Amino acid sequence: MQNNSYSQQTLNDFFAPSRAQRVWLAILAVLTSLMILGAAYEIAKPKPEPQRMSHETSDDTFAYLDVQLLSDWVYDVSGEESYTFYEVMDPDENWFLISLDKKTFASLSPYVDAYNAYLAEEDWNGPYPEPTRLTGMPSYIYFDDASALASYYDVSFQEFEEFFGSYYFNEGASNAMADAILYIIGGVMFGLFLLAIVLQLSFARRNRTKSEDRLYTLGILDDAEAQLTEPETVRYEKLRLALSRDFAFVGTSGHILPYADIGWLYQRTQRSRGITVAIQLMAGTVYGKTVFLAPRFSNDAFLAAVAQKVLVKNPDCLVGYTFEQSKIYGERVRDYKANNPR
């Protein structure tokens, strides 16, 4: 893990995004773009020729339904999905359940009037309004909804399915949107990973700016940059951590910490479901900020090596985690803030 080879790195070189970060940025940017283009293509591509809706039409088929009669609402479905069922009859007197939005339903009022007239007179034979064609896709009627509808019609579950079928007509749905959703989900996933890396780099850049401003105010920024290139500076390449005579350079987070600013060094164990996944080396600054010196790979020997560097310049630094150490550190931070108001 440790690498003492001499490196003529500037601060810009040291804090530049790692090669792995640059590779992942490029890969995720390409994948996210491809997902967006795929979704746009699926939505914009010509729709297939719809097939006539029947009780045997499968749920992955783009279909059409010619509306001859349409009921007022029959059943409202709520929960994660919300839609309203209506009865509909096609010109061959096949009955289905259909899901419509309010705007589409309002445009079909002549078919509702014809349905009401049909119910009012048992021997009514028209005249029917001219059928209108709707396109969409069959969607499965969930068991709870089908059972409630069967109870509403006072028929058995089997009789209900024989009359209306197992699927309702989902007006406006299409294969294109179903396929586009897969691309959209992929785009969101890759986009979130991309955003995470971008935010990490942004936070590191902001921390570096704040660190350099502080060092400049203290008049030691040039010393920090000069020490980074010294052969004596210890480098932990995998951790992107460098320890010079007076400073800790934390490449992952962008911090440049004078040892005088480190008031507490301790290890923290990160667990997932009770299993240790990482042991981290933490630094508590004298002004109360917590910095990850090493997000992983820490051990007692590593803590001792870092502490040896820090204690030479800051003998008052606390080392190791105990409740007493935590209490002392908190008191020191409060004293520092009281004596150094912003």
Protein backbone atom coordinates (compact mmCIF):
# COMPACT_ATOMS: atom_id res chain seq x y z
CA MET A 1 0.00 0.00 0.00
CA GLN A 2 2.84 2.43 0.81
CA ASN A 3 4.93 3.91 -1.99
CA ASN A 4 7.90 6.13 -1.20
CA SER A 5 9.08 6.65 -4.77
CA TYR A 6 9.86 10.25 -5.65
CA SER A 7 7.13 11.94 -7.66
CA GLN A 8 7.26 15.45 -9.11
CA GLN A 9 3.53 15.98 -8.60
CA THR A 10 1.89 19.36 -8.33
CA LEU A 11 -1.27 19.88 -6.31
CA ASN A 12 -3.24 19.88 -9.56
CA ASP A 13 -1.75 16.52 -10.52
CA PHE A 14 -2.36 15.00 -7.10
CA PHE A 15 -5.99 16.10 -6.84
CA ALA A 16 -6.92 15.40 -10.46
CA PRO A 17 -9.63 12.72 -10.91
CA SER A 18 -8.15 9.25 -10.79
CA ARG A 19 -7.87 7.16 -13.92
CA ALA A 20 -10.63 4.86 -12.67
CA GLN A 21 -12.93 7.85 -12.09
CA ARG A 22 -12.27 9.19 -15.58
CA VAL A 23 -12.94 5.78 -17.13
CA TRP A 24 -16.18 5.34 -15.19
CA LEU A 25 -17.28 8.87 -16.07
CA ALA A 26 -16.81 8.11 -19.76
CA ILE A 27 -18.51 4.69 -19.56
CA LEU A 28 -21.50 5.94 -17.56
CA ALA A 29 -21.91 9.01 -19.77
CA VAL A 30 -21.99 6.81 -22.88
CA LEU A 31 -24.40 4.30 -21.30
CA THR A 32 -26.73 7.05 -20.05
CA SER A 33 -26.75 8.67 -23.50
CA LEU A 34 -27.50 5.34 -25.16
CA MET A 35 -30.40 4.71 -22.78
CA ILE A 36 -31.84 8.17 -23.54
CA LEU A 37 -31.49 7.62 -27.29
CA GLY A 38 -33.04 4.15 -26.97
CA ALA A 39 -36.04 5.51 -25.07
CA ALA A 40 -36.51 8.32 -27.60
CA TYR A 41 -36.35 5.84 -30.47
CA GLU A 42 -38.90 3.48 -28.90
CA ILE A 43 -41.33 6.33 -28.29
CA ALA A 44 -40.89 7.91 -31.73
CA LYS A 45 -40.75 4.79 -33.92
CA PRO A 46 -43.88 3.92 -35.95
CA LYS A 47 -46.37 1.84 -34.02
CA PRO A 48 -47.19 -1.64 -35.33
CA GLU A 49 -50.54 -2.25 -36.98
CA PRO A 50 -53.01 -2.84 -34.12
CA GLN A 51 -54.89 -6.12 -33.85
CA ARG A 52 -58.55 -6.33 -32.99
CA MET A 53 -59.22 -6.74 -29.27
CA SER A 54 -60.76 -10.05 -28.24
CA HIS A 55 -60.96 -12.09 -25.05
CA GLU A 56 -58.01 -14.13 -26.34
CA THR A 57 -55.72 -11.17 -27.17
CA SER A 58 -52.46 -11.46 -25.24
CA ASP A 59 -51.23 -8.67 -22.99
CA ASP A 60 -48.18 -7.85 -25.16
CA THR A 61 -50.24 -7.03 -28.26
CA PHE A 62 -50.96 -3.55 -29.56
CA ALA A 63 -54.70 -3.65 -30.18
CA TYR A 64 -57.73 -1.64 -31.20
CA LEU A 65 -61.28 -1.64 -29.88
CA ASP A 66 -64.26 -0.21 -31.77
CA VAL A 67 -66.59 1.39 -29.23
CA GLN A 68 -70.31 0.92 -29.84
CA LEU A 69 -71.68 1.38 -26.29
CA LEU A 70 -69.93 2.80 -23.23
CA SER A 71 -71.13 2.79 -19.63
CA ASP A 72 -70.67 5.36 -16.96
CA TRP A 73 -67.92 4.36 -14.52
CA VAL A 74 -68.15 0.89 -13.03
CA TYR A 75 -65.19 0.51 -10.70
CA ASP A 76 -62.42 2.78 -9.39
CA VAL A 77 -59.02 1.21 -8.77
CA SER A 78 -56.69 3.02 -6.36
CA GLY A 79 -53.33 2.36 -4.71
CA GLU A 80 -49.98 2.36 -6.47
CA GLU A 81 -51.93 2.59 -9.74
CA SER A 82 -55.13 4.56 -10.14
CA TYR A 83 -57.61 4.14 -12.99
CA THR A 84 -61.33 3.71 -13.65
CA PHE A 85 -63.08 0.77 -15.31
CA TYR A 86 -65.98 1.24 -17.74
CA GLU A 87 -68.07 -1.32 -19.64
CA VAL A 88 -67.74 -1.20 -23.40
CA MET A 89 -69.43 -3.13 -26.22
CA ASP A 90 -67.99 -3.52 -29.71
CA PRO A 91 -70.13 -3.75 -32.92
CA ASP A 92 -70.27 -7.56 -32.61
CA GLU A 93 -71.75 -7.23 -29.10
CA ASN A 94 -68.61 -8.47 -27.33
CA TRP A 95 -68.28 -6.88 -23.90
CA PHE A 96 -65.04 -5.71 -22.30
CA LEU A 97 -63.86 -3.58 -19.45
CA ILE A 98 -61.91 -0.50 -20.47
CA SER A 99 -59.75 2.04 -18.66
CA LEU A 100 -60.17 5.64 -19.82
CA ASP A 101 -58.91 9.01 -18.68
CA LYS A 102 -61.52 11.68 -17.96
CA LYS A 103 -60.82 13.66 -21.13
CA THR A 104 -61.29 10.64 -23.40
CA PHE A 105 -64.42 9.59 -21.51
CA ALA A 106 -65.94 13.06 -21.92
CA SER A 107 -65.39 12.90 -25.69
CA LEU A 108 -67.41 9.67 -25.88
CA SER A 109 -70.67 10.97 -24.39
CA PRO A 110 -72.86 9.83 -27.37
CA TYR A 111 -71.83 6.23 -26.64
CA VAL A 112 -72.74 6.67 -22.96
CA ASP A 113 -76.17 8.01 -23.98
CA ALA A 114 -76.64 5.00 -26.25
CA TYR A 115 -75.61 2.66 -23.42
CA ASN A 116 -78.15 4.22 -21.04
CA ALA A 117 -80.87 3.88 -23.69
CA TYR A 118 -79.81 0.26 -24.25
CA LEU A 119 -80.23 -0.48 -20.54
CA ALA A 120 -83.55 1.34 -20.27
CA GLU A 121 -85.21 -0.66 -23.06
CA GLU A 122 -84.52 -4.38 -23.21
CA ASP A 123 -85.67 -4.66 -26.82
CA TRP A 124 -83.79 -1.53 -27.94
CA ASN A 125 -81.94 -2.09 -31.23
CA GLY A 126 -80.54 1.32 -31.95
CA PRO A 127 -79.84 3.36 -33.78
CA TYR A 128 -76.29 2.97 -32.51
CA PRO A 129 -73.85 5.83 -33.02
CA GLU A 130 -71.12 5.19 -35.56
CA PRO A 131 -68.37 3.14 -33.81
CA THR A 132 -65.19 4.98 -32.87
CA ARG A 133 -61.81 3.24 -32.74
CA LEU A 134 -59.53 3.37 -29.73
CA THR A 135 -56.03 1.90 -29.55
CA GLY A 136 -54.26 0.49 -26.53
CA MET A 137 -53.14 -2.78 -24.99
CA PRO A 138 -54.81 -5.54 -22.96
CA SER A 139 -53.87 -5.48 -19.28
CA TYR A 140 -54.55 -8.23 -16.78
CA ILE A 141 -57.40 -7.67 -14.32
CA TYR A 142 -55.92 -8.40 -10.89
CA PHE A 143 -57.66 -11.08 -8.86
CA ASP A 144 -58.87 -8.70 -6.11
CA ASP A 145 -60.36 -6.34 -8.71
CA ALA A 146 -61.95 -9.20 -10.66
CA SER A 147 -63.44 -10.64 -7.45
CA ALA A 148 -64.88 -7.25 -6.48
CA LEU A 149 -66.34 -6.81 -9.97
CA ALA A 150 -67.84 -10.31 -9.92
CA SER A 151 -69.49 -9.45 -6.61
CA TYR A 152 -70.72 -6.14 -8.09
CA TYR A 153 -72.40 -8.01 -10.96
CA ASP A 154 -73.60 -10.73 -8.56
CA VAL A 155 -71.99 -13.50 -10.61
CA SER A 156 -69.28 -16.05 -9.95
CA PHE A 157 -65.65 -15.30 -10.74
CA GLN A 158 -65.77 -17.80 -13.62
CA GLU A 159 -68.94 -16.24 -15.07
CA PHE A 160 -67.36 -12.81 -14.86
CA GLU A 161 -64.28 -13.94 -16.83
CA GLU A 162 -66.40 -15.73 -19.42
CA PHE A 163 -68.35 -12.53 -20.08
CA PHE A 164 -65.60 -9.86 -19.88
CA GLY A 165 -62.43 -11.93 -20.28
CA SER A 166 -59.30 -11.85 -18.11
CA TYR A 167 -58.01 -8.56 -19.51
CA TYR A 168 -59.27 -5.01 -19.66
CA PHE A 169 -58.48 -2.64 -22.53
CA ASN A 170 -55.88 -0.10 -21.41
CA GLU A 171 -56.64 2.78 -23.76
CA GLY A 172 -53.59 4.76 -24.93
CA ALA A 173 -51.01 2.16 -23.86
CA SER A 174 -48.53 0.83 -26.44
CA ASN A 175 -45.59 -1.53 -26.82
CA ALA A 176 -43.40 1.47 -27.55
CA MET A 177 -43.89 2.89 -24.07
CA ALA A 178 -43.41 -0.52 -22.45
CA ASP A 179 -40.08 -0.95 -24.27
CA ALA A 180 -39.11 2.67 -23.63
CA ILE A 181 -39.60 2.18 -19.88
CA LEU A 182 -36.76 -0.36 -19.85
CA TYR A 183 -34.46 2.21 -21.42
CA ILE A 184 -35.72 4.90 -19.06
CA ILE A 185 -35.01 2.70 -16.02
CA GLY A 186 -31.53 1.95 -17.37
CA GLY A 187 -30.93 5.63 -18.04
CA VAL A 188 -31.98 6.57 -14.51
CA MET A 189 -29.73 3.91 -12.97
CA PHE A 190 -26.66 4.82 -15.02
CA GLY A 191 -27.45 8.51 -14.57
CA LEU A 192 -27.53 8.15 -10.79
CA PHE A 193 -24.13 6.43 -10.78
CA LEU A 194 -22.79 9.17 -13.05
CA LEU A 195 -24.24 11.86 -10.80
CA ALA A 196 -22.66 10.22 -7.73
CA ILE A 197 -19.18 10.42 -9.28
CA VAL A 198 -19.73 13.98 -10.50
CA LEU A 199 -20.89 15.05 -7.03
CA GLN A 200 -17.92 13.31 -5.42
CA LEU A 201 -15.53 15.19 -7.72
CA SER A 202 -17.41 18.43 -7.10
CA PHE A 203 -17.18 18.02 -3.30
CA ALA A 204 -13.48 17.21 -3.57
CA ARG A 205 -12.90 20.33 -5.68
CA ARG A 206 -14.81 22.45 -3.16
CA ASN A 207 -12.86 20.99 -0.22
CA ARG A 208 -9.58 21.62 -1.99
CA THR A 209 -10.54 25.25 -2.63
CA LYS A 210 -11.42 25.73 1.04
CA SER A 211 -8.20 24.03 2.15
CA GLU A 212 -6.04 26.16 -0.12
CA ASP A 213 -7.82 29.34 1.00
CA ARG A 214 -7.10 28.43 4.63
CA LEU A 215 -3.46 27.61 3.92
CA TYR A 216 -3.07 30.84 1.96
CA THR A 217 -4.51 32.81 4.88
CA LEU A 218 -2.01 31.08 7.19
CA GLY A 219 0.80 31.83 4.72
CA ILE A 220 1.78 28.16 4.24
CA LEU A 221 0.23 27.23 0.86
CA ASP A 222 3.59 27.36 -0.93
CA ASP A 223 5.12 25.17 1.78
CA ALA A 224 2.41 22.57 1.23
CA GLU A 225 2.95 22.42 -2.52
CA ALA A 226 6.70 22.22 -2.09
CA GLN A 227 6.50 19.42 0.47
CA LEU A 228 4.24 17.33 -1.76
CA THR A 229 7.15 16.81 -4.16
CA GLU A 230 9.79 16.03 -1.54
CA PRO A 231 11.30 12.51 -1.63
CA GLU A 232 10.60 12.11 2.11
CA THR A 233 6.86 12.45 1.58
CA VAL A 234 5.15 9.10 2.18
CA ARG A 235 2.55 8.15 -0.39
CA TYR A 236 -0.22 5.57 -0.18
CA GLU A 237 -1.17 5.32 -3.83
CA LYS A 238 -4.22 3.04 -3.41
CA LEU A 239 -5.67 5.43 -0.84
CA ARG A 240 -4.59 8.58 -2.71
CA LEU A 241 -3.06 9.80 0.54
CA ALA A 242 0.28 11.60 0.95
CA LEU A 243 1.94 12.49 4.25
CA SER A 244 4.68 15.14 4.14
CA ARG A 245 6.60 16.69 7.04
CA ASP A 246 3.73 19.03 7.97
CA PHE A 247 0.68 18.12 5.88
CA ALA A 248 -1.74 15.34 5.03
CA PHE A 249 -2.92 15.45 1.39
CA VAL A 250 -6.22 13.53 0.98
CA GLY A 251 -6.80 12.95 -2.73
CA THR A 252 -10.23 11.34 -2.42
CA SER A 253 -11.83 14.27 -0.59
CA GLY A 254 -9.63 17.21 -1.65
CA HIS A 255 -8.47 18.14 1.85
CA ILE A 256 -5.02 19.48 2.67
CA LEU A 257 -4.62 19.26 6.43
CA PRO A 258 -1.75 20.76 8.38
CA TYR A 259 -0.91 18.36 11.18
CA ALA A 260 -1.58 21.22 13.59
CA ASP A 261 -5.24 21.09 12.48
CA ILE A 262 -5.66 17.39 13.33
CA GLY A 263 -6.95 17.05 16.87
CA TRP A 264 -7.94 13.38 16.88
CA LEU A 265 -6.98 10.26 14.93
CA TYR A 266 -9.08 7.12 15.26
CA GLN A 267 -10.38 4.13 13.34
CA ARG A 268 -14.01 3.51 12.50
CA THR A 269 -15.40 0.13 11.50
CA GLN A 270 -18.02 0.17 8.75
CA ARG A 271 -20.43 -2.77 8.86
CA SER A 272 -23.19 -4.05 6.64
CA ARG A 273 -25.66 -6.53 8.18
CA GLY A 274 -23.19 -7.05 11.01
CA ILE A 275 -20.29 -7.89 8.66
CA THR A 276 -17.21 -5.64 8.61
CA VAL A 277 -16.79 -4.21 5.11
CA ALA A 278 -14.16 -1.53 5.80
CA ILE A 279 -12.00 -0.09 8.55
CA GLN A 280 -11.59 3.63 8.01
CA LEU A 281 -9.04 6.07 9.38
CA MET A 282 -10.70 9.26 10.54
CA ALA A 283 -9.25 12.64 11.44
CA GLY A 284 -11.14 15.06 13.63
CA THR A 285 -9.93 18.61 13.08
CA VAL A 286 -9.45 21.10 15.89
CA TYR A 287 -12.35 23.12 14.47
CA GLY A 288 -14.76 20.16 14.52
CA LYS A 289 -14.71 18.77 10.98
CA THR A 290 -14.39 15.02 10.37
CA VAL A 291 -12.23 13.94 7.43
CA PHE A 292 -11.72 10.45 5.96
CA LEU A 293 -7.95 10.00 5.70
CA ALA A 294 -8.49 6.45 4.47
CA PRO A 295 -11.95 5.16 3.49
CA ARG A 296 -10.72 1.55 3.75
CA PHE A 297 -7.67 -0.65 4.40
CA SER A 298 -6.85 0.91 7.77
CA ASN A 299 -5.33 -1.16 10.58
CA ASP A 300 -3.45 -0.54 13.83
CA ALA A 301 -0.09 -0.36 12.06
CA PHE A 302 -1.41 2.20 9.60
CA LEU A 303 -2.92 4.28 12.41
CA ALA A 304 0.41 4.19 14.24
CA ALA A 305 2.32 5.27 11.12
CA VAL A 306 0.02 8.24 10.51
CA ALA A 307 -0.03 9.16 14.20
CA GLN A 308 3.79 9.15 14.26
CA LYS A 309 3.81 11.81 11.54
CA VAL A 310 1.13 13.94 13.18
CA LEU A 311 2.44 13.76 16.76
CA VAL A 312 5.84 15.16 15.74
CA LYS A 313 4.13 18.45 14.85
CA ASN A 314 1.11 18.19 17.14
CA PRO A 315 1.87 16.32 20.41
CA ASP A 316 -1.61 17.11 21.76
CA CYS A 317 -3.36 15.08 19.04
CA LEU A 318 -5.57 12.34 20.49
CA VAL A 319 -5.00 8.85 19.08
CA GLY A 320 -7.48 5.97 19.22
CA TYR A 321 -11.18 5.80 19.96
CA THR A 322 -12.53 5.68 23.49
CA PHE A 323 -15.45 7.40 25.14
CA GLU A 324 -13.00 9.49 27.16
CA GLN A 325 -11.10 10.52 24.01
CA SER A 326 -14.38 11.50 22.36
CA LYS A 327 -15.33 13.62 25.37
CA ILE A 328 -11.95 15.38 25.47
CA TYR A 329 -12.07 16.06 21.73
CA GLY A 330 -15.56 17.58 21.99
CA GLU A 331 -14.39 19.89 24.79
CA ARG A 332 -11.36 21.00 22.76
CA VAL A 333 -13.53 21.77 19.72
CA ARG A 334 -15.86 23.90 21.85
CA ASP A 335 -12.88 25.77 23.31
CA TYR A 336 -11.44 26.34 19.83
CA LYS A 337 -14.70 27.73 18.49
CA ALA A 338 -15.09 29.96 21.55
CA ASN A 339 -11.60 31.39 21.08
CA ASN A 340 -11.84 31.62 17.27
CA PRO A 341 -15.27 33.02 16.42
CA ARG A 342 -15.98 33.50 12.75
